[in-house]
């Protein structure tokens, strides 16, 4: 799982999806656009709203989420919790508890392939807000691994609190952008916008139909270049892609992936290049895509089948790439 980064989010491999649907809109189609920068990455919205797209509320919501969950902002709620004492239930926002609670669910389902306490390992391998300058030794990895366990954090919704049961550091980069997309979708729903497409740092949430009718067409980026490997068709759905080919570092001539397996402490070394997930919420799509990229092809494909998840896998093979998909992904595949 990758570490949090405002500077690096635009290249974050958990967000390597490009929305081909953005090119479908033409002048006079009746949809409004909003584009901007928030949380170190870009967002783009197309929406059909009865009055106007709530630009101010969108920017304010993204700023609020950043103030809650950034690991780069030392004054964020998450950073204050990370600096806080063990054994103290710290009052926090309901939103932060919601995201930590969702992360806990995915950690349980994936048997630790997703773990929001992975930050010490991410930093040790040279990524995230506190990136170390060089490659660690096995002893350093073993030491950092001892503090990585999502069960070290207790969360409570009434009242909303977080507590470190043992020393730990939370990093929500594998799920927070998806949560932000869902929050923006909520704003547009409140504004009674019947159709929209939201893209934020690669995470996507769609509602109803694209301009001119029919599903929203979203292109999944190919690991080998600027083209799309596959086009997916979305109605009222959310989508996220995680990949290992955008963010990495070279150490002594060896490519080190930013995708760290929280179960072993080491960067992944399998052939799975990217995972795309379609589900109801961007938050869960974000977390599942991150977890399955950690797992590797065999474990991830088995997990998607067991969970009935719509998943698309791009795997390195024979000097190129091959694609596989779960049965639940079939309705979203563009034919031809």
C-alpha atoms as a PDB file:
ATOM      1  CA  UNK A   1       0.000   0.000   0.000  1.00  0.00           C
ATOM      2  CA  UNK A   2       1.333   3.402  -0.888  1.00  0.00           C
ATOM      3  CA  UNK A   3       2.074   6.272   1.480  1.00  0.00           C
ATOM      4  CA  UNK A   4       0.285   9.614   1.617  1.00  0.00           C
ATOM      5  CA  UNK A   5       1.724  12.411  -0.495  1.00  0.00           C
ATOM      6  CA  UNK A   6       0.458  15.781  -1.542  1.00  0.00           C
ATOM      7  CA  UNK A   7       3.481  16.414  -3.753  1.00  0.00           C
ATOM      8  CA  UNK A   8       3.312  13.010  -5.390  1.00  0.00           C
ATOM      9  CA  UNK A   9      -0.438  12.428  -5.641  1.00  0.00           C
ATOM     10  CA  UNK A  10      -0.632  13.410  -9.311  1.00  0.00           C
ATOM     11  CA  UNK A  11       1.635  10.424 -10.045  1.00  0.00           C
ATOM     12  CA  UNK A  12       0.278   8.147  -7.367  1.00  0.00           C
ATOM     13  CA  UNK A  13      -0.025   4.665  -8.804  1.00  0.00           C
ATOM     14  CA  UNK A  14      -3.275   4.176  -6.957  1.00  0.00           C
ATOM     15  CA  UNK A  15      -4.699   6.811  -9.299  1.00  0.00           C
ATOM     16  CA  UNK A  16      -3.531   5.951 -12.781  1.00  0.00           C
ATOM     17  CA  UNK A  17      -6.921   6.084 -14.424  1.00  0.00           C
ATOM     18  CA  UNK A  18      -7.812   8.558 -17.159  1.00  0.00           C
ATOM     19  CA  UNK A  19     -11.403   9.459 -17.906  1.00  0.00           C
ATOM     20  CA  UNK A  20     -12.072   9.261 -21.638  1.00  0.00           C
ATOM     21  CA  UNK A  21     -15.552  10.556 -20.921  1.00  0.00           C
ATOM     22  CA  UNK A  22     -14.154  14.045 -20.415  1.00  0.00           C
ATOM     23  CA  UNK A  23     -13.666  14.260 -24.173  1.00  0.00           C
ATOM     24  CA  UNK A  24     -17.310  13.470 -24.879  1.00  0.00           C
ATOM     25  CA  UNK A  25     -18.685  16.785 -23.752  1.00  0.00           C
ATOM     26  CA  UNK A  26     -19.297  19.380 -26.465  1.00  0.00           C
ATOM     27  CA  UNK A  27     -20.333  22.994 -26.259  1.00  0.00           C
ATOM     28  CA  UNK A  28     -24.040  23.403 -25.748  1.00  0.00           C
ATOM     29  CA  UNK A  29     -24.596  19.952 -24.283  1.00  0.00           C
ATOM     30  CA  UNK A  30     -26.061  21.507 -21.142  1.00  0.00           C
ATOM     31  CA  UNK A  31     -23.470  20.223 -18.673  1.00  0.00           C
ATOM     32  CA  UNK A  32     -21.261  22.428 -16.550  1.00  0.00           C
ATOM     33  CA  UNK A  33     -17.573  21.801 -15.981  1.00  0.00           C
ATOM     34  CA  UNK A  34     -15.498  22.434 -12.890  1.00  0.00           C
ATOM     35  CA  UNK A  35     -11.746  21.897 -12.807  1.00  0.00           C
ATOM     36  CA  UNK A  36      -9.291  22.592 -10.031  1.00  0.00           C
ATOM     37  CA  UNK A  37      -6.460  21.491  -7.795  1.00  0.00           C
ATOM     38  CA  UNK A  38      -6.919  20.124  -4.299  1.00  0.00           C
ATOM     39  CA  UNK A  39      -5.027  17.813  -1.946  1.00  0.00           C
ATOM     40  CA  UNK A  40      -2.022  17.918  -4.265  1.00  0.00           C
ATOM     41  CA  UNK A  41      -3.864  16.593  -7.309  1.00  0.00           C
ATOM     42  CA  UNK A  42      -6.461  17.668  -9.860  1.00  0.00           C
ATOM     43  CA  UNK A  43     -10.199  17.248 -10.043  1.00  0.00           C
ATOM     44  CA  UNK A  44     -12.685  17.536 -12.868  1.00  0.00           C
ATOM     45  CA  UNK A  45     -16.463  17.506 -12.702  1.00  0.00           C
ATOM     46  CA  UNK A  46     -19.134  17.412 -15.382  1.00  0.00           C
ATOM     47  CA  UNK A  47     -22.628  17.903 -14.027  1.00  0.00           C
ATOM     48  CA  UNK A  48     -26.171  18.619 -15.121  1.00  0.00           C
ATOM     49  CA  UNK A  49     -27.564  20.760 -12.294  1.00  0.00           C
ATOM     50  CA  UNK A  50     -30.925  22.562 -12.160  1.00  0.00           C
ATOM     51  CA  UNK A  51     -29.333  25.817 -11.007  1.00  0.00           C
ATOM     52  CA  UNK A  52     -25.551  25.752 -11.110  1.00  0.00           C
ATOM     53  CA  UNK A  53     -22.733  23.504 -10.050  1.00  0.00           C
ATOM     54  CA  UNK A  54     -21.830  24.327  -6.393  1.00  0.00           C
ATOM     55  CA  UNK A  55     -18.205  25.359  -7.054  1.00  0.00           C
ATOM     56  CA  UNK A  56     -17.626  27.013  -3.693  1.00  0.00           C
ATOM     57  CA  UNK A  57     -18.963  24.047  -1.749  1.00  0.00           C
ATOM     58  CA  UNK A  58     -16.821  21.655  -3.801  1.00  0.00           C
ATOM     59  CA  UNK A  59     -13.613  23.552  -3.019  1.00  0.00           C
ATOM     60  CA  UNK A  60     -14.555  23.955   0.636  1.00  0.00           C
ATOM     61  CA  UNK A  61     -15.270  20.223   1.020  1.00  0.00           C
ATOM     62  CA  UNK A  62     -11.959  19.226  -0.540  1.00  0.00           C
ATOM     63  CA  UNK A  63     -10.110  21.686   1.685  1.00  0.00           C
ATOM     64  CA  UNK A  64     -11.903  20.274   4.728  1.00  0.00           C
ATOM     65  CA  UNK A  65     -10.976  16.678   3.863  1.00  0.00           C
ATOM     66  CA  UNK A  66      -7.360  17.692   3.337  1.00  0.00           C
ATOM     67  CA  UNK A  67      -7.361  19.417   6.738  1.00  0.00           C
ATOM     68  CA  UNK A  68      -8.646  16.207   8.293  1.00  0.00           C
ATOM     69  CA  UNK A  69      -6.595  13.507   6.550  1.00  0.00           C
ATOM     70  CA  UNK A  70      -3.358  14.941   5.139  1.00  0.00           C
ATOM     71  CA  UNK A  71      -0.080  13.541   6.438  1.00  0.00           C
ATOM     72  CA  UNK A  72       1.790  16.473   4.870  1.00  0.00           C
ATOM     73  CA  UNK A  73      -0.075  19.059   6.905  1.00  0.00           C
ATOM     74  CA  UNK A  74       1.291  18.831  10.438  1.00  0.00           C
ATOM     75  CA  UNK A  75      -1.830  20.578  11.714  1.00  0.00           C
ATOM     76  CA  UNK A  76      -4.269  18.126  10.108  1.00  0.00           C
ATOM     77  CA  UNK A  77      -6.449  16.077  12.393  1.00  0.00           C
ATOM     78  CA  UNK A  78      -4.709  12.882  11.276  1.00  0.00           C
ATOM     79  CA  UNK A  79      -1.232  14.328  11.897  1.00  0.00           C
ATOM     80  CA  UNK A  80      -2.245  15.422  15.373  1.00  0.00           C
ATOM     81  CA  UNK A  81      -3.516  11.930  16.092  1.00  0.00           C
ATOM     82  CA  UNK A  82      -0.278  10.389  14.803  1.00  0.00           C
ATOM     83  CA  UNK A  83       1.718  12.591  17.196  1.00  0.00           C
ATOM     84  CA  UNK A  84      -0.619  11.843  20.088  1.00  0.00           C
ATOM     85  CA  UNK A  85      -0.061   9.530  23.011  1.00  0.00           C
ATOM     86  CA  UNK A  86      -0.882   5.836  23.119  1.00  0.00           C
ATOM     87  CA  UNK A  87      -3.860   4.804  25.226  1.00  0.00           C
ATOM     88  CA  UNK A  88      -5.748   8.087  24.861  1.00  0.00           C
ATOM     89  CA  UNK A  89      -9.106   8.237  23.048  1.00  0.00           C
ATOM     90  CA  UNK A  90      -8.772  11.404  20.965  1.00  0.00           C
ATOM     91  CA  UNK A  91     -11.971  13.201  19.870  1.00  0.00           C
ATOM     92  CA  UNK A  92     -11.940  13.489  16.069  1.00  0.00           C
ATOM     93  CA  UNK A  93     -14.353  14.291  13.259  1.00  0.00           C
ATOM     94  CA  UNK A  94     -17.021  11.736  12.277  1.00  0.00           C
ATOM     95  CA  UNK A  95     -15.561  11.742   8.743  1.00  0.00           C
ATOM     96  CA  UNK A  96     -12.154  10.596   9.952  1.00  0.00           C
ATOM     97  CA  UNK A  97     -13.738   7.793  11.966  1.00  0.00           C
ATOM     98  CA  UNK A  98     -15.805   6.750   8.930  1.00  0.00           C
ATOM     99  CA  UNK A  99     -12.696   6.416   6.764  1.00  0.00           C
ATOM    100  CA  UNK A 100     -10.716   4.578   9.444  1.00  0.00           C
ATOM    101  CA  UNK A 101     -13.696   2.279   9.994  1.00  0.00           C
ATOM    102  CA  UNK A 102     -13.919   1.481   6.267  1.00  0.00           C
ATOM    103  CA  UNK A 103     -10.162   0.871   6.157  1.00  0.00           C
ATOM    104  CA  UNK A 104     -10.536  -1.550   9.079  1.00  0.00           C
ATOM    105  CA  UNK A 105     -13.246  -3.490   7.208  1.00  0.00           C
ATOM    106  CA  UNK A 106     -11.079  -3.874   4.102  1.00  0.00           C
ATOM    107  CA  UNK A 107      -8.093  -4.866   6.250  1.00  0.00           C
ATOM    108  CA  UNK A 108     -10.159  -7.634   7.811  1.00  0.00           C
ATOM    109  CA  UNK A 109     -11.506  -8.797   4.447  1.00  0.00           C
ATOM    110  CA  UNK A 110      -8.054  -8.844   2.824  1.00  0.00           C
ATOM    111  CA  UNK A 111      -6.261 -10.364   5.840  1.00  0.00           C
ATOM    112  CA  UNK A 112      -3.969  -7.366   6.105  1.00  0.00           C
ATOM    113  CA  UNK A 113      -3.128  -6.778   2.436  1.00  0.00           C
ATOM    114  CA  UNK A 114      -4.685  -3.368   3.040  1.00  0.00           C
ATOM    115  CA  UNK A 115      -3.378  -1.724   6.200  1.00  0.00           C
ATOM    116  CA  UNK A 116      -3.608   1.987   6.976  1.00  0.00           C
ATOM    117  CA  UNK A 117      -0.768   1.693   9.523  1.00  0.00           C
ATOM    118  CA  UNK A 118       1.777   0.879   6.787  1.00  0.00           C
ATOM    119  CA  UNK A 119       3.301   4.397   6.883  1.00  0.00           C
ATOM    120  CA  UNK A 120       6.576   3.428   8.677  1.00  0.00           C
ATOM    121  CA  UNK A 121       7.360   0.908   5.938  1.00  0.00           C
ATOM    122  CA  UNK A 122       6.429   3.298   3.131  1.00  0.00           C
ATOM    123  CA  UNK A 123       8.756   5.940   4.569  1.00  0.00           C
ATOM    124  CA  UNK A 124      11.528   3.393   5.104  1.00  0.00           C
ATOM    125  CA  UNK A 125      11.469   2.473   1.416  1.00  0.00           C
ATOM    126  CA  UNK A 126      11.705   6.135   0.360  1.00  0.00           C
ATOM    127  CA  UNK A 127       8.108   7.190  -0.275  1.00  0.00           C
ATOM    128  CA  UNK A 128       5.486   9.349   1.399  1.00  0.00           C
ATOM    129  CA  UNK A 129       5.707  12.376   3.660  1.00  0.00           C
ATOM    130  CA  UNK A 130       8.703  11.151   5.696  1.00  0.00           C
ATOM    131  CA  UNK A 131      10.633   9.364   2.959  1.00  0.00           C
ATOM    132  CA  UNK A 132      14.039   7.976   3.914  1.00  0.00           C
ATOM    133  CA  UNK A 133      16.913   8.668   1.486  1.00  0.00           C
ATOM    134  CA  UNK A 134      18.172   5.123   0.912  1.00  0.00           C
ATOM    135  CA  UNK A 135      17.137   1.479   0.870  1.00  0.00           C
ATOM    136  CA  UNK A 136      16.695  -0.161   4.276  1.00  0.00           C
ATOM    137  CA  UNK A 137      18.327  -3.319   5.544  1.00  0.00           C
ATOM    138  CA  UNK A 138      16.442  -6.386   6.660  1.00  0.00           C
ATOM    139  CA  UNK A 139      16.777  -5.463  10.340  1.00  0.00           C
ATOM    140  CA  UNK A 140      15.262  -2.028   9.709  1.00  0.00           C
ATOM    141  CA  UNK A 141      12.378  -3.588   7.806  1.00  0.00           C
ATOM    142  CA  UNK A 142      11.735  -6.089  10.596  1.00  0.00           C
ATOM    143  CA  UNK A 143      11.741  -3.330  13.186  1.00  0.00           C
ATOM    144  CA  UNK A 144       9.316  -1.138  11.217  1.00  0.00           C
ATOM    145  CA  UNK A 145       7.074  -4.112  10.475  1.00  0.00           C
ATOM    146  CA  UNK A 146       6.510  -4.660  14.191  1.00  0.00           C
ATOM    147  CA  UNK A 147       4.556  -1.386  14.394  1.00  0.00           C
ATOM    148  CA  UNK A 148       2.354  -2.150  11.347  1.00  0.00           C
ATOM    149  CA  UNK A 149      -0.976  -3.674  12.338  1.00  0.00           C
ATOM    150  CA  UNK A 150      -4.389  -2.078  11.783  1.00  0.00           C
ATOM    151  CA  UNK A 151      -5.585  -3.684  15.019  1.00  0.00           C
ATOM    152  CA  UNK A 152      -3.379  -1.249  16.950  1.00  0.00           C
ATOM    153  CA  UNK A 153      -5.992   1.463  16.251  1.00  0.00           C
ATOM    154  CA  UNK A 154      -9.413   1.530  17.900  1.00  0.00           C
ATOM    155  CA  UNK A 155     -12.205   3.657  16.428  1.00  0.00           C
ATOM    156  CA  UNK A 156     -15.497   4.621  17.983  1.00  0.00           C
ATOM    157  CA  UNK A 157     -18.416   6.425  16.345  1.00  0.00           C
ATOM    158  CA  UNK A 158     -20.390   7.482  19.438  1.00  0.00           C
ATOM    159  CA  UNK A 159     -18.699   9.753  20.291  1.00  0.00           C
ATOM    160  CA  UNK A 160     -16.239   9.855  17.352  1.00  0.00           C
ATOM    161  CA  UNK A 161     -12.773   8.998  18.710  1.00  0.00           C
ATOM    162  CA  UNK A 162      -9.567   7.281  17.642  1.00  0.00           C
ATOM    163  CA  UNK A 163      -7.203   5.580  20.030  1.00  0.00           C
ATOM    164  CA  UNK A 164      -3.799   3.967  19.647  1.00  0.00           C
ATOM    165  CA  UNK A 165      -3.879   0.735  21.582  1.00  0.00           C
ATOM    166  CA  UNK A 166      -0.182   0.403  20.787  1.00  0.00           C
ATOM    167  CA  UNK A 167       2.186   2.780  18.957  1.00  0.00           C
ATOM    168  CA  UNK A 168       1.128   3.196  15.317  1.00  0.00           C
ATOM    169  CA  UNK A 169       0.978   5.724  12.483  1.00  0.00           C
ATOM    170  CA  UNK A 170      -2.074   6.091  10.266  1.00  0.00           C
ATOM    171  CA  UNK A 171      -1.841   6.851   6.537  1.00  0.00           C
ATOM    172  CA  UNK A 172      -5.140   6.983   4.649  1.00  0.00           C
ATOM    173  CA  UNK A 173      -3.756   7.628   1.164  1.00  0.00           C
ATOM    174  CA  UNK A 174      -5.146   4.323  -0.104  1.00  0.00           C
ATOM    175  CA  UNK A 175      -8.735   5.301   0.670  1.00  0.00           C
ATOM    176  CA  UNK A 176      -9.066   9.057   1.341  1.00  0.00           C
ATOM    177  CA  UNK A 177      -9.335  10.223  -2.279  1.00  0.00           C
ATOM    178  CA  UNK A 178     -12.134   7.774  -2.862  1.00  0.00           C
ATOM    179  CA  UNK A 179     -13.882   9.140   0.211  1.00  0.00           C
ATOM    180  CA  UNK A 180     -13.456  12.674  -1.167  1.00  0.00           C
ATOM    181  CA  UNK A 181     -15.099  11.660  -4.441  1.00  0.00           C
ATOM    182  CA  UNK A 182     -18.064  10.197  -2.586  1.00  0.00           C
ATOM    183  CA  UNK A 183     -18.410  13.420  -0.593  1.00  0.00           C
ATOM    184  CA  UNK A 184     -18.426  15.485  -3.791  1.00  0.00           C
ATOM    185  CA  UNK A 185     -21.080  13.172  -5.204  1.00  0.00           C
ATOM    186  CA  UNK A 186     -23.125  13.829  -2.071  1.00  0.00           C
ATOM    187  CA  UNK A 187     -22.890  17.576  -2.668  1.00  0.00           C
ATOM    188  CA  UNK A 188     -24.140  17.175  -6.229  1.00  0.00           C
ATOM    189  CA  UNK A 189     -26.944  14.914  -5.050  1.00  0.00           C
ATOM    190  CA  UNK A 190     -27.939  17.564  -2.493  1.00  0.00           C
ATOM    191  CA  UNK A 191     -27.957  20.129  -5.325  1.00  0.00           C
ATOM    192  CA  UNK A 192     -30.335  17.789  -7.207  1.00  0.00           C
ATOM    193  CA  UNK A 193     -27.961  17.307 -10.135  1.00  0.00           C
ATOM    194  CA  UNK A 194     -29.465  14.326 -12.025  1.00  0.00           C
ATOM    195  CA  UNK A 195     -26.310  13.392 -13.952  1.00  0.00           C
ATOM    196  CA  UNK A 196     -22.595  13.893 -13.338  1.00  0.00           C
ATOM    197  CA  UNK A 197     -19.100  12.494 -13.655  1.00  0.00           C
ATOM    198  CA  UNK A 198     -16.518  13.301 -10.969  1.00  0.00           C
ATOM    199  CA  UNK A 199     -12.810  12.534 -11.361  1.00  0.00           C
ATOM    200  CA  UNK A 200     -10.417  13.316  -8.534  1.00  0.00           C
ATOM    201  CA  UNK A 201      -6.829  12.142  -8.652  1.00  0.00           C
ATOM    202  CA  UNK A 202      -7.969   9.188 -10.758  1.00  0.00           C
ATOM    203  CA  UNK A 203     -10.917   8.053  -8.624  1.00  0.00           C
ATOM    204  CA  UNK A 204     -14.270   8.346 -10.387  1.00  0.00           C
ATOM    205  CA  UNK A 205     -17.935   8.548  -9.466  1.00  0.00           C
ATOM    206  CA  UNK A 206     -20.668   8.635 -12.091  1.00  0.00           C
ATOM    207  CA  UNK A 207     -24.412   9.100 -11.983  1.00  0.00           C
ATOM    208  CA  UNK A 208     -27.047   8.418 -14.640  1.00  0.00           C
ATOM    209  CA  UNK A 209     -26.089   8.956 -18.309  1.00  0.00           C
ATOM    210  CA  UNK A 210     -23.378  10.727 -20.282  1.00  0.00           C
ATOM    211  CA  UNK A 211     -24.174  13.649 -22.613  1.00  0.00           C
ATOM    212  CA  UNK A 212     -26.327  12.388 -25.460  1.00  0.00           C
ATOM    213  CA  UNK A 213     -27.507   9.381 -23.485  1.00  0.00           C
ATOM    214  CA  UNK A 214     -25.922   6.041 -22.784  1.00  0.00           C
ATOM    215  CA  UNK A 215     -23.265   5.148 -20.213  1.00  0.00           C
ATOM    216  CA  UNK A 216     -20.215   7.167 -19.317  1.00  0.00           C
ATOM    217  CA  UNK A 217     -17.180   5.774 -21.199  1.00  0.00           C
ATOM    218  CA  UNK A 218     -14.073   5.672 -19.017  1.00  0.00           C
ATOM    219  CA  UNK A 219     -10.677   4.637 -20.339  1.00  0.00           C
ATOM    220  CA  UNK A 220      -8.271   2.621 -18.165  1.00  0.00           C
ATOM    221  CA  UNK A 221      -4.723   3.703 -18.892  1.00  0.00           C
ATOM    222  CA  UNK A 222      -2.290   1.224 -20.402  1.00  0.00           C
ATOM    223  CA  UNK A 223       0.903   0.681 -18.371  1.00  0.00           C
ATOM    224  CA  UNK A 224       2.908   0.819 -21.608  1.00  0.00           C
ATOM    225  CA  UNK A 225       1.965   4.307 -22.755  1.00  0.00           C
ATOM    226  CA  UNK A 226      -0.644   7.024 -23.197  1.00  0.00           C
ATOM    227  CA  UNK A 227      -3.275   4.826 -24.827  1.00  0.00           C
ATOM    228  CA  UNK A 228      -6.208   3.179 -23.081  1.00  0.00           C
ATOM    229  CA  UNK A 229      -5.976  -0.533 -22.395  1.00  0.00           C
ATOM    230  CA  UNK A 230      -9.721  -0.892 -21.992  1.00  0.00           C
ATOM    231  CA  UNK A 231     -12.873   1.209 -22.019  1.00  0.00           C
ATOM    232  CA  UNK A 232     -15.401   0.646 -19.250  1.00  0.00           C
ATOM    233  CA  UNK A 233     -19.047   1.702 -19.244  1.00  0.00           C
ATOM    234  CA  UNK A 234     -20.417   3.296 -16.098  1.00  0.00           C
ATOM    235  CA  UNK A 235     -23.925   4.237 -15.058  1.00  0.00           C
ATOM    236  CA  UNK A 236     -24.369   5.135 -11.393  1.00  0.00           C
ATOM    237  CA  UNK A 237     -21.096   3.555 -10.329  1.00  0.00           C
ATOM    238  CA  UNK A 238     -17.689   4.328  -8.819  1.00  0.00           C
ATOM    239  CA  UNK A 239     -14.311   3.274 -10.149  1.00  0.00           C
ATOM    240  CA  UNK A 240     -10.678   3.287  -8.981  1.00  0.00           C
ATOM    241  CA  UNK A 241      -7.429   1.992 -10.463  1.00  0.00           C
ATOM    242  CA  UNK A 242      -4.199   1.124  -8.663  1.00  0.00           C
ATOM    243  CA  UNK A 243      -0.972   0.518 -10.574  1.00  0.00           C
ATOM    244  CA  UNK A 244       2.729   0.084  -9.890  1.00  0.00           C
ATOM    245  CA  UNK A 245       4.265   1.711 -12.973  1.00  0.00           C
ATOM    246  CA  UNK A 246       4.121   5.446 -12.261  1.00  0.00           C
ATOM    247  CA  UNK A 247       5.781   5.834  -8.905  1.00  0.00           C
ATOM    248  CA  UNK A 248       8.972   3.988  -8.068  1.00  0.00           C
ATOM    249  CA  UNK A 249      12.614   4.634  -7.246  1.00  0.00           C
ATOM    250  CA  UNK A 250      15.913   3.252  -8.467  1.00  0.00           C
ATOM    251  CA  UNK A 251      18.283   1.867  -5.824  1.00  0.00           C
ATOM    252  CA  UNK A 252      21.633   0.474  -7.004  1.00  0.00           C
ATOM    253  CA  UNK A 253      20.135  -0.082 -10.433  1.00  0.00           C
ATOM    254  CA  UNK A 254      17.146  -1.963  -9.054  1.00  0.00           C
ATOM    255  CA  UNK A 255      13.626  -0.638  -9.521  1.00  0.00           C
ATOM    256  CA  UNK A 256      11.790  -0.458  -6.189  1.00  0.00           C
ATOM    257  CA  UNK A 257       7.994  -0.246  -6.334  1.00  0.00           C
ATOM    258  CA  UNK A 258       6.137   2.204  -4.103  1.00  0.00           C
ATOM    259  CA  UNK A 259       3.613  -0.586  -3.436  1.00  0.00           C
ATOM    260  CA  UNK A 260       4.635  -2.019  -0.074  1.00  0.00           C
ATOM    261  CA  UNK A 261       3.136  -5.245   1.206  1.00  0.00           C
ATOM    262  CA  UNK A 262       2.219  -4.527   4.849  1.00  0.00           C
ATOM    263  CA  UNK A 263       2.291  -8.261   5.564  1.00  0.00           C
ATOM    264  CA  UNK A 264       5.961  -8.708   4.620  1.00  0.00           C
ATOM    265  CA  UNK A 265       7.419  -5.210   4.868  1.00  0.00           C
ATOM    266  CA  UNK A 266       8.871  -5.313   1.353  1.00  0.00           C
ATOM    267  CA  UNK A 267       7.920  -3.783  -2.012  1.00  0.00           C
ATOM    268  CA  UNK A 268       5.844  -6.140  -4.154  1.00  0.00           C
ATOM    269  CA  UNK A 269       7.691  -8.131  -6.820  1.00  0.00           C
ATOM    270  CA  UNK A 270       4.898  -9.832  -8.728  1.00  0.00           C
ATOM    271  CA  UNK A 271       3.717  -9.288 -12.328  1.00  0.00           C
ATOM    272  CA  UNK A 272       0.408  -7.547 -11.613  1.00  0.00           C
ATOM    273  CA  UNK A 273       0.736  -4.036 -13.089  1.00  0.00           C
ATOM    274  CA  UNK A 274      -2.689  -2.570 -12.329  1.00  0.00           C
ATOM    275  CA  UNK A 275      -6.099  -3.338 -10.866  1.00  0.00           C
ATOM    276  CA  UNK A 276      -9.312  -1.490 -11.677  1.00  0.00           C
ATOM    277  CA  UNK A 277     -12.380  -1.933  -9.486  1.00  0.00           C
ATOM    278  CA  UNK A 278     -15.980  -0.845 -10.097  1.00  0.00           C
ATOM    279  CA  UNK A 279     -18.325  -0.782  -7.118  1.00  0.00           C
ATOM    280  CA  UNK A 280     -20.925   1.404  -5.417  1.00  0.00           C
ATOM    281  CA  UNK A 281     -18.594   3.847  -3.652  1.00  0.00           C
ATOM    282  CA  UNK A 282     -15.285   5.365  -4.704  1.00  0.00           C
ATOM    283  CA  UNK A 283     -13.936   4.886  -1.180  1.00  0.00           C
ATOM    284  CA  UNK A 284     -14.337   1.116  -1.300  1.00  0.00           C
ATOM    285  CA  UNK A 285     -13.183   0.909  -4.931  1.00  0.00           C
ATOM    286  CA  UNK A 286     -10.050   2.831  -3.936  1.00  0.00           C
ATOM    287  CA  UNK A 287      -9.270   0.524  -1.015  1.00  0.00           C
ATOM    288  CA  UNK A 288     -10.017  -2.721  -2.869  1.00  0.00           C
ATOM    289  CA  UNK A 289      -7.869  -1.718  -5.854  1.00  0.00           C
ATOM    290  CA  UNK A 290      -4.994  -0.868  -3.524  1.00  0.00           C
ATOM    291  CA  UNK A 291      -5.338  -4.153  -1.630  1.00  0.00           C
ATOM    292  CA  UNK A 292      -5.494  -6.330  -4.737  1.00  0.00           C
ATOM    293  CA  UNK A 293      -2.443  -4.645  -6.239  1.00  0.00           C
ATOM    294  CA  UNK A 294      -0.568  -5.678  -3.102  1.00  0.00           C
ATOM    295  CA  UNK A 295      -1.854  -9.248  -3.395  1.00  0.00           C
ATOM    296  CA  UNK A 296      -0.614 -10.039  -6.888  1.00  0.00           C
ATOM    297  CA  UNK A 297      -2.517 -11.694  -9.721  1.00  0.00           C
ATOM    298  CA  UNK A 298      -3.343 -15.114  -8.277  1.00  0.00           C
ATOM    299  CA  UNK A 299      -4.474 -13.959  -4.845  1.00  0.00           C
ATOM    300  CA  UNK A 300      -6.249 -10.890  -6.247  1.00  0.00           C
ATOM    301  CA  UNK A 301      -8.238 -12.812  -8.831  1.00  0.00           C
ATOM    302  CA  UNK A 302      -9.297 -15.320  -6.208  1.00  0.00           C
ATOM    303  CA  UNK A 303     -10.288 -12.515  -3.820  1.00  0.00           C
ATOM    304  CA  UNK A 304     -12.345 -10.722  -6.495  1.00  0.00           C
ATOM    305  CA  UNK A 305     -14.202 -13.942  -7.218  1.00  0.00           C
ATOM    306  CA  UNK A 306     -14.899 -14.645  -3.558  1.00  0.00           C
ATOM    307  CA  UNK A 307     -16.131 -11.092  -2.958  1.00  0.00           C
ATOM    308  CA  UNK A 308     -18.014 -10.847  -6.279  1.00  0.00           C
ATOM    309  CA  UNK A 309     -16.047  -7.697  -7.124  1.00  0.00           C
ATOM    310  CA  UNK A 310     -15.956  -6.184 -10.610  1.00  0.00           C
ATOM    311  CA  UNK A 311     -12.206  -6.118 -11.256  1.00  0.00           C
ATOM    312  CA  UNK A 312      -9.938  -5.722 -14.282  1.00  0.00           C
ATOM    313  CA  UNK A 313      -6.331  -6.932 -14.025  1.00  0.00           C
ATOM    314  CA  UNK A 314      -3.415  -5.932 -16.264  1.00  0.00           C
ATOM    315  CA  UNK A 315      -0.508  -8.370 -15.913  1.00  0.00           C
ATOM    316  CA  UNK A 316       3.035  -8.283 -17.309  1.00  0.00           C
ATOM    317  CA  UNK A 317       3.607 -11.288 -19.565  1.00  0.00           C
ATOM    318  CA  UNK A 318       5.982 -12.210 -22.392  1.00  0.00           C
ATOM    319  CA  UNK A 319       7.454  -8.728 -22.665  1.00  0.00           C
ATOM    320  CA  UNK A 320       4.029  -7.099 -22.845  1.00  0.00           C
ATOM    321  CA  UNK A 321       0.737  -7.066 -20.972  1.00  0.00           C
ATOM    322  CA  UNK A 322      -2.286  -9.323 -20.703  1.00  0.00           C
ATOM    323  CA  UNK A 323      -5.727  -8.446 -19.339  1.00  0.00           C
ATOM    324  CA  UNK A 324      -8.055 -10.532 -17.220  1.00  0.00           C
ATOM    325  CA  UNK A 325     -11.333  -9.667 -15.566  1.00  0.00           C
ATOM    326  CA  UNK A 326     -13.642 -11.092 -12.948  1.00  0.00           C
ATOM    327  CA  UNK A 327     -17.090 -12.307 -13.886  1.00  0.00           C
ATOM    328  CA  UNK A 328     -18.646  -9.327 -12.081  1.00  0.00           C
ATOM    329  CA  UNK A 329     -16.778  -6.933 -14.427  1.00  0.00           C
ATOM    330  CA  UNK A 330     -18.467  -8.289 -17.581  1.00  0.00           C
ATOM    331  CA  UNK A 331     -21.427  -5.822 -17.581  1.00  0.00           C
ATOM    332  CA  UNK A 332     -18.996  -2.873 -17.579  1.00  0.00           C
ATOM    333  CA  UNK A 333     -16.842  -3.962 -20.529  1.00  0.00           C
ATOM    334  CA  UNK A 334     -17.199  -2.168 -23.841  1.00  0.00           C
ATOM    335  CA  UNK A 335     -17.579  -4.647 -26.656  1.00  0.00           C
ATOM    336  CA  UNK A 336     -15.667  -4.549 -29.914  1.00  0.00           C
END
